[in-house]
Amino acid sequence: MRNLKLIWDFYGPEALKIAEHHEIHLKEYIQIKNLNISVTGFESLNDTHAIAFLVVNEDSMKPIRDALRPHRGQIYQE
């Protein structure tokens, strides 16, 4: 089964701080729903674009996608 990286994009001068804070909410959601997700993170793509993400198995992606509404997704390569 493939792993998918669900991604939230943030733009502007505070993008990295917002992405970092968004990861906290992703971890809270994982804990509340008792999900078996261990890969989350945030990263700066440039000075005004940052992302927050989580990695989920493809078979359990749909309910998480529908609840959290990521901006995009891609296949996750470790």
N, C-alpha and C. Protein backbone atom coordinates (compact mmCIF):
# COMPACT_ATOMS: atom_id res chain seq x y z
N MET A 1 0.85 -1.18 0.00
CA MET A 1 0.00 0.00 0.00
C MET A 1 0.89 1.24 0.00
N ARG A 2 0.53 2.18 -0.83
CA ARG A 2 1.31 3.43 -0.91
C ARG A 2 1.02 4.33 0.27
N ASN A 3 2.00 5.17 0.58
CA ASN A 3 1.81 6.23 1.56
C ASN A 3 1.61 7.54 0.81
N LEU A 4 0.71 8.36 1.32
CA LEU A 4 0.42 9.65 0.70
C LEU A 4 0.76 10.77 1.68
N LYS A 5 1.31 11.83 1.15
CA LYS A 5 1.65 13.02 1.92
C LYS A 5 0.57 14.05 1.66
N LEU A 6 -0.23 14.35 2.70
CA LEU A 6 -1.26 15.38 2.60
C LEU A 6 -0.62 16.70 3.01
N ILE A 7 -0.82 17.72 2.19
CA ILE A 7 -0.05 18.97 2.32
C ILE A 7 -0.98 20.17 2.44
N TRP A 8 -0.62 21.06 3.37
CA TRP A 8 -1.28 22.35 3.52
C TRP A 8 -0.26 23.42 3.20
N ASP A 9 -0.60 24.32 2.27
CA ASP A 9 0.30 25.40 1.84
C ASP A 9 -0.02 26.68 2.58
N PHE A 10 1.03 27.40 2.94
CA PHE A 10 0.88 28.71 3.58
C PHE A 10 1.81 29.69 2.89
N TYR A 11 1.31 30.90 2.68
CA TYR A 11 2.05 31.91 1.93
C TYR A 11 2.16 33.20 2.74
N GLY A 12 3.22 33.93 2.49
CA GLY A 12 3.41 35.23 3.12
C GLY A 12 4.61 35.23 4.04
N PRO A 13 4.91 36.39 4.62
CA PRO A 13 6.10 36.50 5.45
C PRO A 13 6.05 35.65 6.72
N GLU A 14 4.86 35.27 7.17
CA GLU A 14 4.71 34.44 8.38
C GLU A 14 4.40 32.98 8.05
N ALA A 15 4.59 32.59 6.80
CA ALA A 15 4.20 31.26 6.35
C ALA A 15 4.83 30.14 7.19
N LEU A 16 6.11 30.25 7.49
CA LEU A 16 6.77 29.18 8.24
C LEU A 16 6.20 29.05 9.65
N LYS A 17 5.95 30.16 10.31
CA LYS A 17 5.38 30.11 11.66
C LYS A 17 3.97 29.52 11.63
N ILE A 18 3.21 29.85 10.62
CA ILE A 18 1.86 29.32 10.50
C ILE A 18 1.91 27.81 10.24
N ALA A 19 2.80 27.38 9.36
CA ALA A 19 2.95 25.95 9.07
C ALA A 19 3.38 25.18 10.32
N GLU A 20 4.30 25.75 11.07
CA GLU A 20 4.75 25.12 12.30
C GLU A 20 3.58 24.97 13.28
N HIS A 21 2.77 26.00 13.40
CA HIS A 21 1.61 25.95 14.29
C HIS A 21 0.56 24.96 13.77
N HIS A 22 0.39 24.89 12.47
CA HIS A 22 -0.59 23.97 11.89
C HIS A 22 -0.21 22.52 12.21
N GLU A 23 1.08 22.23 12.23
CA GLU A 23 1.51 20.87 12.56
C GLU A 23 1.04 20.48 13.97
N ILE A 24 1.03 21.42 14.89
CA ILE A 24 0.54 21.16 16.25
C ILE A 24 -0.91 20.68 16.18
N HIS A 25 -1.73 21.34 15.37
CA HIS A 25 -3.13 20.94 15.23
C HIS A 25 -3.27 19.57 14.56
N LEU A 26 -2.39 19.28 13.61
CA LEU A 26 -2.42 17.96 12.98
C LEU A 26 -2.12 16.88 14.01
N LYS A 27 -1.13 17.11 14.85
CA LYS A 27 -0.79 16.14 15.90
C LYS A 27 -1.92 15.98 16.90
N GLU A 28 -2.59 17.08 17.22
CA GLU A 28 -3.75 17.00 18.13
C GLU A 28 -4.85 16.15 17.51
N TYR A 29 -5.12 16.34 16.24
CA TYR A 29 -6.15 15.56 15.55
C TYR A 29 -5.79 14.08 15.57
N ILE A 30 -4.53 13.77 15.29
CA ILE A 30 -4.07 12.38 15.30
C ILE A 30 -4.30 11.76 16.68
N GLN A 31 -3.99 12.50 17.72
CA GLN A 31 -4.15 11.99 19.08
C GLN A 31 -5.62 11.83 19.45
N ILE A 32 -6.44 12.82 19.12
CA ILE A 32 -7.88 12.76 19.44
C ILE A 32 -8.54 11.58 18.74
N LYS A 33 -8.19 11.36 17.49
CA LYS A 33 -8.80 10.28 16.70
C LYS A 33 -8.09 8.95 16.88
N ASN A 34 -7.01 8.93 17.68
CA ASN A 34 -6.25 7.72 17.95
C ASN A 34 -5.79 7.04 16.65
N LEU A 35 -5.21 7.84 15.75
CA LEU A 35 -4.74 7.34 14.46
C LEU A 35 -3.31 6.84 14.56
N ASN A 36 -2.99 5.89 13.73
CA ASN A 36 -1.64 5.35 13.68
C ASN A 36 -0.84 6.10 12.61
N ILE A 37 -0.57 7.37 12.89
CA ILE A 37 0.20 8.23 11.98
C ILE A 37 1.38 8.76 12.76
N SER A 38 2.58 8.53 12.22
CA SER A 38 3.77 8.97 12.94
C SER A 38 4.58 10.02 12.20
N VAL A 39 4.27 10.25 10.93
CA VAL A 39 5.04 11.21 10.16
C VAL A 39 4.22 12.48 9.94
N THR A 40 4.65 13.56 10.58
CA THR A 40 4.10 14.88 10.35
C THR A 40 5.27 15.83 10.26
N GLY A 41 5.02 17.03 9.79
CA GLY A 41 6.12 17.99 9.75
C GLY A 41 5.71 19.29 9.12
N PHE A 42 6.71 20.15 9.01
CA PHE A 42 6.54 21.42 8.32
C PHE A 42 7.89 21.76 7.71
N GLU A 43 7.86 22.54 6.64
CA GLU A 43 9.11 22.96 6.01
C GLU A 43 8.91 24.23 5.21
N SER A 44 9.99 24.95 5.08
CA SER A 44 9.99 26.18 4.30
C SER A 44 10.42 25.84 2.88
N LEU A 45 9.63 26.25 1.90
CA LEU A 45 9.99 26.04 0.51
C LEU A 45 10.74 27.24 -0.06
N ASN A 46 10.41 28.43 0.44
CA ASN A 46 11.16 29.65 0.16
C ASN A 46 10.75 30.70 1.19
N ASP A 47 11.14 31.93 1.01
CA ASP A 47 10.88 32.96 2.02
C ASP A 47 9.40 33.23 2.27
N THR A 48 8.56 32.93 1.31
CA THR A 48 7.14 33.24 1.47
C THR A 48 6.21 32.05 1.24
N HIS A 49 6.75 30.84 1.25
CA HIS A 49 5.92 29.64 1.05
C HIS A 49 6.44 28.54 1.96
N ALA A 50 5.54 28.04 2.80
CA ALA A 50 5.87 26.94 3.70
C ALA A 50 4.71 25.94 3.68
N ILE A 51 5.01 24.72 4.09
CA ILE A 51 3.98 23.68 4.13
C ILE A 51 3.97 22.99 5.49
N ALA A 52 2.81 22.47 5.83
CA ALA A 52 2.66 21.51 6.92
C ALA A 52 2.14 20.24 6.25
N PHE A 53 2.48 19.09 6.82
CA PHE A 53 2.07 17.85 6.17
C PHE A 53 1.91 16.72 7.17
N LEU A 54 1.21 15.69 6.73
CA LEU A 54 1.18 14.41 7.43
C LEU A 54 1.18 13.32 6.38
N VAL A 55 1.66 12.15 6.77
CA VAL A 55 1.75 11.01 5.85
C VAL A 55 0.81 9.93 6.34
N VAL A 56 -0.02 9.44 5.44
CA VAL A 56 -1.06 8.48 5.77
C VAL A 56 -1.06 7.35 4.73
N ASN A 57 -1.50 6.16 5.14
CA ASN A 57 -1.65 5.06 4.19
C ASN A 57 -2.78 5.38 3.23
N GLU A 58 -2.61 4.98 1.99
CA GLU A 58 -3.60 5.29 0.97
C GLU A 58 -4.99 4.76 1.33
N ASP A 59 -5.05 3.59 1.95
CA ASP A 59 -6.36 2.99 2.27
C ASP A 59 -7.12 3.75 3.36
N SER A 60 -6.44 4.55 4.17
CA SER A 60 -7.12 5.32 5.21
C SER A 60 -7.14 6.82 4.93
N MET A 61 -6.79 7.21 3.71
CA MET A 61 -6.65 8.62 3.36
C MET A 61 -7.98 9.36 3.28
N LYS A 62 -9.01 8.76 2.69
CA LYS A 62 -10.24 9.51 2.38
C LYS A 62 -10.90 10.16 3.58
N PRO A 63 -11.14 9.46 4.69
CA PRO A 63 -11.79 10.14 5.82
C PRO A 63 -10.92 11.25 6.41
N ILE A 64 -9.63 11.07 6.39
CA ILE A 64 -8.72 12.10 6.91
C ILE A 64 -8.73 13.30 5.97
N ARG A 65 -8.66 13.04 4.68
CA ARG A 65 -8.73 14.12 3.68
C ARG A 65 -10.03 14.90 3.81
N ASP A 66 -11.13 14.19 3.95
CA ASP A 66 -12.43 14.86 4.03
C ASP A 66 -12.57 15.69 5.31
N ALA A 67 -11.98 15.22 6.40
CA ALA A 67 -12.08 15.94 7.67
C ALA A 67 -11.14 17.14 7.73
N LEU A 68 -9.92 17.00 7.20
CA LEU A 68 -8.90 18.03 7.36
C LEU A 68 -8.71 18.92 6.14
N ARG A 69 -9.21 18.50 5.00
CA ARG A 69 -9.19 19.29 3.77
C ARG A 69 -7.81 19.86 3.41
N PRO A 70 -6.84 18.99 3.15
CA PRO A 70 -5.53 19.48 2.72
C PRO A 70 -5.64 20.17 1.37
N HIS A 71 -4.67 21.01 1.07
CA HIS A 71 -4.66 21.73 -0.20
C HIS A 71 -4.24 20.84 -1.36
N ARG A 72 -3.43 19.86 -1.06
CA ARG A 72 -2.97 18.95 -2.11
C ARG A 72 -2.35 17.72 -1.48
N GLY A 73 -1.97 16.76 -2.30
CA GLY A 73 -1.33 15.54 -1.83
C GLY A 73 -0.40 15.01 -2.87
N GLN A 74 0.48 14.13 -2.43
CA GLN A 74 1.41 13.48 -3.37
C GLN A 74 1.84 12.16 -2.77
N ILE A 75 2.38 11.30 -3.60
CA ILE A 75 2.91 10.02 -3.12
C ILE A 75 4.14 10.32 -2.27
N TYR A 76 4.22 9.68 -1.13
CA TYR A 76 5.31 9.90 -0.19
C TYR A 76 6.41 8.88 -0.44
N GLN A 77 7.61 9.39 -0.68
CA GLN A 77 8.80 8.56 -0.84
C GLN A 77 9.71 8.81 0.36
N GLU A 78 9.99 7.78 1.11
CA GLU A 78 10.85 7.94 2.29
C GLU A 78 12.27 8.27 1.92
